[in-house]
Amino acid sequence: MKKIQIFTDGSCLGNPGFGGYCAIVKYKDHEKIVKGANKDTTNNQMELSAVIEGLRALKEPCEVSVTSDSTYVVKGVNEWLINWVKKDFKKIKNKELWLEYIKVSKSHKVQLSWVKAHNGHAENEQCDEVARNEATLLQQKAG
């Protein structure tokens, strides 16, 4: 099983507002940047979208280490998700995104770890910049 590193971040101009996400997917010396934007979204939705889209970019089952500065996403996956599933996501925000995470992650062995934002972590800083740029570009296109 290939060992993959994914670094993610999401950004939102207003909350809700225009949002962007970025995932840097690394395998050995290969790197791919996955990015996108949505209007009328939240920061948490963009953080989770970054992880989902990073995993979606994988072509085969992998052992994946995901690094995120989102406590919501990291604790969501590592601690809360199992109980949310048991309770059929009653009163849980972003149900559709969490169900999509489950779908795209099921063929992989995924471990999430948290990194402090804006603290000099190279990939996190790069993801932050790309995500913010994606949100800004979408906002500018919308006029």
C-alpha atoms as a PDB file:
ATOM      1  CA  MET A   1       0.000   0.000   0.000  1.00  0.00           C
ATOM      2  CA  LYS A   2       1.411   3.390  -1.011  1.00  0.00           C
ATOM      3  CA  LYS A   3       2.093   5.862   1.787  1.00  0.00           C
ATOM      4  CA  ILE A   4       0.650   9.271   0.936  1.00  0.00           C
ATOM      5  CA  GLN A   5       0.827  12.580   2.767  1.00  0.00           C
ATOM      6  CA  ILE A   6      -1.980  15.098   2.359  1.00  0.00           C
ATOM      7  CA  PHE A   7      -1.801  18.621   3.773  1.00  0.00           C
ATOM      8  CA  THR A   8      -5.041  20.604   3.783  1.00  0.00           C
ATOM      9  CA  ASP A   9      -6.569  23.959   4.578  1.00  0.00           C
ATOM     10  CA  GLY A  10      -9.796  25.819   3.980  1.00  0.00           C
ATOM     11  CA  SER A  11     -10.566  29.508   3.954  1.00  0.00           C
ATOM     12  CA  CYS A  12     -13.717  31.591   4.034  1.00  0.00           C
ATOM     13  CA  LEU A  13     -14.207  35.296   3.348  1.00  0.00           C
ATOM     14  CA  GLY A  14     -16.996  35.820   5.838  1.00  0.00           C
ATOM     15  CA  ASN A  15     -18.595  32.865   7.561  1.00  0.00           C
ATOM     16  CA  PRO A  16     -20.673  32.091   5.567  1.00  0.00           C
ATOM     17  CA  GLY A  17     -19.180  33.629   2.482  1.00  0.00           C
ATOM     18  CA  PHE A  18     -16.943  32.836  -0.457  1.00  0.00           C
ATOM     19  CA  GLY A  19     -14.672  29.942   0.448  1.00  0.00           C
ATOM     20  CA  GLY A  20     -11.687  28.112  -0.937  1.00  0.00           C
ATOM     21  CA  TYR A  21      -9.856  24.899  -0.152  1.00  0.00           C
ATOM     22  CA  CYS A  22      -6.499  23.342  -0.925  1.00  0.00           C
ATOM     23  CA  ALA A  23      -4.962  19.916  -0.514  1.00  0.00           C
ATOM     24  CA  ILE A  24      -1.336  19.144  -1.261  1.00  0.00           C
ATOM     25  CA  VAL A  25      -1.040  15.438  -2.049  1.00  0.00           C
ATOM     26  CA  LYS A  26       2.498  14.023  -1.774  1.00  0.00           C
ATOM     27  CA  TYR A  27       3.847  10.620  -2.766  1.00  0.00           C
ATOM     28  CA  LYS A  28       7.617  10.210  -2.661  1.00  0.00           C
ATOM     29  CA  ASP A  29       8.925  13.119  -4.778  1.00  0.00           C
ATOM     30  CA  HIS A  30       5.595  13.732  -6.551  1.00  0.00           C
ATOM     31  CA  GLU A  31       3.256  16.521  -5.502  1.00  0.00           C
ATOM     32  CA  LYS A  32      -0.214  17.487  -6.693  1.00  0.00           C
ATOM     33  CA  ILE A  33      -2.233  20.510  -5.616  1.00  0.00           C
ATOM     34  CA  VAL A  34      -5.998  20.046  -5.485  1.00  0.00           C
ATOM     35  CA  LYS A  35      -7.960  23.266  -5.070  1.00  0.00           C
ATOM     36  CA  GLY A  36     -11.371  24.780  -5.511  1.00  0.00           C
ATOM     37  CA  ALA A  37     -13.925  27.271  -4.244  1.00  0.00           C
ATOM     38  CA  ASN A  38     -17.598  27.637  -3.376  1.00  0.00           C
ATOM     39  CA  LYS A  39     -19.852  30.581  -2.705  1.00  0.00           C
ATOM     40  CA  ASP A  40     -22.075  30.792   0.369  1.00  0.00           C
ATOM     41  CA  THR A  41     -20.061  28.296   2.392  1.00  0.00           C
ATOM     42  CA  THR A  42     -18.389  28.126   5.792  1.00  0.00           C
ATOM     43  CA  ASN A  43     -14.831  27.715   6.948  1.00  0.00           C
ATOM     44  CA  ASN A  44     -15.600  24.261   8.385  1.00  0.00           C
ATOM     45  CA  GLN A  45     -17.123  23.161   5.079  1.00  0.00           C
ATOM     46  CA  MET A  46     -14.007  24.276   3.210  1.00  0.00           C
ATOM     47  CA  GLU A  47     -11.695  22.564   5.727  1.00  0.00           C
ATOM     48  CA  LEU A  48     -13.595  19.294   5.285  1.00  0.00           C
ATOM     49  CA  SER A  49     -13.826  19.728   1.503  1.00  0.00           C
ATOM     50  CA  ALA A  50     -10.032  19.994   1.331  1.00  0.00           C
ATOM     51  CA  VAL A  51      -9.663  16.578   2.982  1.00  0.00           C
ATOM     52  CA  ILE A  52     -12.385  15.029   0.815  1.00  0.00           C
ATOM     53  CA  GLU A  53     -10.928  16.343  -2.439  1.00  0.00           C
ATOM     54  CA  GLY A  54      -7.401  15.330  -1.435  1.00  0.00           C
ATOM     55  CA  LEU A  55      -8.598  11.760  -0.819  1.00  0.00           C
ATOM     56  CA  ARG A  56     -10.683  11.796  -4.015  1.00  0.00           C
ATOM     57  CA  ALA A  57      -7.488  12.503  -5.991  1.00  0.00           C
ATOM     58  CA  LEU A  58      -6.027   9.111  -4.997  1.00  0.00           C
ATOM     59  CA  LYS A  59      -6.323   6.421  -7.672  1.00  0.00           C
ATOM     60  CA  GLU A  60      -5.919   3.322  -5.466  1.00  0.00           C
ATOM     61  CA  PRO A  61      -6.195   2.324  -1.798  1.00  0.00           C
ATOM     62  CA  CYS A  62      -3.425   4.008   0.193  1.00  0.00           C
ATOM     63  CA  GLU A  63      -2.116   4.556   3.677  1.00  0.00           C
ATOM     64  CA  VAL A  64      -2.785   8.271   4.121  1.00  0.00           C
ATOM     65  CA  SER A  65      -1.467  10.737   6.648  1.00  0.00           C
ATOM     66  CA  VAL A  66      -3.586  13.905   6.583  1.00  0.00           C
ATOM     67  CA  THR A  67      -2.336  17.062   8.290  1.00  0.00           C
ATOM     68  CA  SER A  68      -4.900  19.800   8.967  1.00  0.00           C
ATOM     69  CA  ASP A  69      -5.077  22.926  11.114  1.00  0.00           C
ATOM     70  CA  SER A  70      -8.812  22.315  11.642  1.00  0.00           C
ATOM     71  CA  THR A  71      -9.695  20.970  15.085  1.00  0.00           C
ATOM     72  CA  TYR A  72     -13.222  20.439  13.732  1.00  0.00           C
ATOM     73  CA  VAL A  73     -12.011  18.093  10.981  1.00  0.00           C
ATOM     74  CA  VAL A  74      -9.318  16.286  12.979  1.00  0.00           C
ATOM     75  CA  LYS A  75     -11.521  15.661  16.031  1.00  0.00           C
ATOM     76  CA  GLY A  76     -14.486  14.998  13.753  1.00  0.00           C
ATOM     77  CA  VAL A  77     -12.672  12.124  12.062  1.00  0.00           C
ATOM     78  CA  ASN A  78     -10.634  10.839  15.004  1.00  0.00           C
ATOM     79  CA  GLU A  79     -13.170  11.188  17.825  1.00  0.00           C
ATOM     80  CA  TRP A  80     -16.720  12.201  16.904  1.00  0.00           C
ATOM     81  CA  LEU A  81     -17.560  10.511  13.591  1.00  0.00           C
ATOM     82  CA  ILE A  82     -18.221   7.043  14.986  1.00  0.00           C
ATOM     83  CA  ASN A  83     -20.937   8.372  17.313  1.00  0.00           C
ATOM     84  CA  TRP A  84     -22.376  10.658  14.639  1.00  0.00           C
ATOM     85  CA  VAL A  85     -22.848   7.604  12.408  1.00  0.00           C
ATOM     86  CA  LYS A  86     -24.526   5.688  15.262  1.00  0.00           C
ATOM     87  CA  LYS A  87     -26.925   8.614  15.772  1.00  0.00           C
ATOM     88  CA  ASP A  88     -27.518   8.977  12.000  1.00  0.00           C
ATOM     89  CA  PHE A  89     -26.014  12.490  12.165  1.00  0.00           C
ATOM     90  CA  LYS A  90     -28.972  13.881  14.115  1.00  0.00           C
ATOM     91  CA  LYS A  91     -28.356  17.581  14.871  1.00  0.00           C
ATOM     92  CA  ILE A  92     -24.919  17.431  13.191  1.00  0.00           C
ATOM     93  CA  LYS A  93     -24.015  20.173  10.720  1.00  0.00           C
ATOM     94  CA  ASN A  94     -22.518  19.324   7.330  1.00  0.00           C
ATOM     95  CA  LYS A  95     -24.011  15.820   7.227  1.00  0.00           C
ATOM     96  CA  GLU A  96     -23.616  15.573   3.431  1.00  0.00           C
ATOM     97  CA  LEU A  97     -19.916  16.403   3.616  1.00  0.00           C
ATOM     98  CA  TRP A  98     -19.326  13.923   6.445  1.00  0.00           C
ATOM     99  CA  LEU A  99     -21.097  11.209   4.438  1.00  0.00           C
ATOM    100  CA  GLU A 100     -18.914  12.095   1.447  1.00  0.00           C
ATOM    101  CA  TYR A 101     -15.805  11.864   3.656  1.00  0.00           C
ATOM    102  CA  ILE A 102     -16.870   8.360   4.730  1.00  0.00           C
ATOM    103  CA  LYS A 103     -17.385   7.374   1.083  1.00  0.00           C
ATOM    104  CA  VAL A 104     -14.024   8.648  -0.202  1.00  0.00           C
ATOM    105  CA  SER A 105     -12.019   7.439   2.808  1.00  0.00           C
ATOM    106  CA  LYS A 106     -13.345   3.879   3.111  1.00  0.00           C
ATOM    107  CA  SER A 107     -10.809   2.255   0.755  1.00  0.00           C
ATOM    108  CA  HIS A 108      -7.878   3.955   2.500  1.00  0.00           C
ATOM    109  CA  LYS A 109      -6.196   3.707   5.863  1.00  0.00           C
ATOM    110  CA  VAL A 110      -6.463   7.345   6.982  1.00  0.00           C
ATOM    111  CA  GLN A 111      -4.858   9.024   9.985  1.00  0.00           C
ATOM    112  CA  LEU A 112      -5.452  12.697  10.682  1.00  0.00           C
ATOM    113  CA  SER A 113      -3.161  14.894  12.723  1.00  0.00           C
ATOM    114  CA  TRP A 114      -3.484  18.523  13.751  1.00  0.00           C
ATOM    115  CA  VAL A 115      -0.972  21.306  13.158  1.00  0.00           C
ATOM    116  CA  LYS A 116      -1.184  24.836  14.553  1.00  0.00           C
ATOM    117  CA  ALA A 117      -2.204  27.333  11.860  1.00  0.00           C
ATOM    118  CA  HIS A 118       0.026  30.257  10.854  1.00  0.00           C
ATOM    119  CA  ASN A 119       2.956  28.749  12.705  1.00  0.00           C
ATOM    120  CA  GLY A 120       5.516  28.299   9.933  1.00  0.00           C
ATOM    121  CA  HIS A 121       4.509  24.783   8.782  1.00  0.00           C
ATOM    122  CA  ALA A 122       5.487  25.034   5.086  1.00  0.00           C
ATOM    123  CA  GLU A 123       2.685  22.959   3.543  1.00  0.00           C
ATOM    124  CA  ASN A 124       0.031  24.412   5.844  1.00  0.00           C
ATOM    125  CA  GLU A 125       1.122  27.943   4.936  1.00  0.00           C
ATOM    126  CA  GLN A 126       1.039  27.060   1.233  1.00  0.00           C
ATOM    127  CA  CYS A 127      -2.440  25.502   1.536  1.00  0.00           C
ATOM    128  CA  ASP A 128      -3.668  28.555   3.438  1.00  0.00           C
ATOM    129  CA  GLU A 129      -2.453  30.888   0.698  1.00  0.00           C
ATOM    130  CA  VAL A 130      -3.920  28.781  -2.129  1.00  0.00           C
ATOM    131  CA  ALA A 131      -7.281  28.366  -0.332  1.00  0.00           C
ATOM    132  CA  ARG A 132      -7.535  32.095   0.361  1.00  0.00           C
ATOM    133  CA  ASN A 133      -6.636  32.878  -3.265  1.00  0.00           C
ATOM    134  CA  GLU A 134      -9.318  30.480  -4.535  1.00  0.00           C
ATOM    135  CA  ALA A 135     -11.947  32.183  -2.355  1.00  0.00           C
ATOM    136  CA  THR A 136     -10.785  35.645  -3.462  1.00  0.00           C
ATOM    137  CA  LEU A 137     -10.844  34.706  -7.175  1.00  0.00           C
ATOM    138  CA  LEU A 138     -14.396  33.371  -6.885  1.00  0.00           C
ATOM    139  CA  GLN A 139     -15.478  36.510  -5.029  1.00  0.00           C
ATOM    140  CA  GLN A 140     -13.936  38.720  -7.736  1.00  0.00           C
ATOM    141  CA  LYS A 141     -15.658  36.719 -10.529  1.00  0.00           C
ATOM    142  CA  ALA A 142     -18.992  37.144  -8.733  1.00  0.00           C
ATOM    143  CA  GLY A 143     -18.503  40.892  -8.846  1.00  0.00           C
END
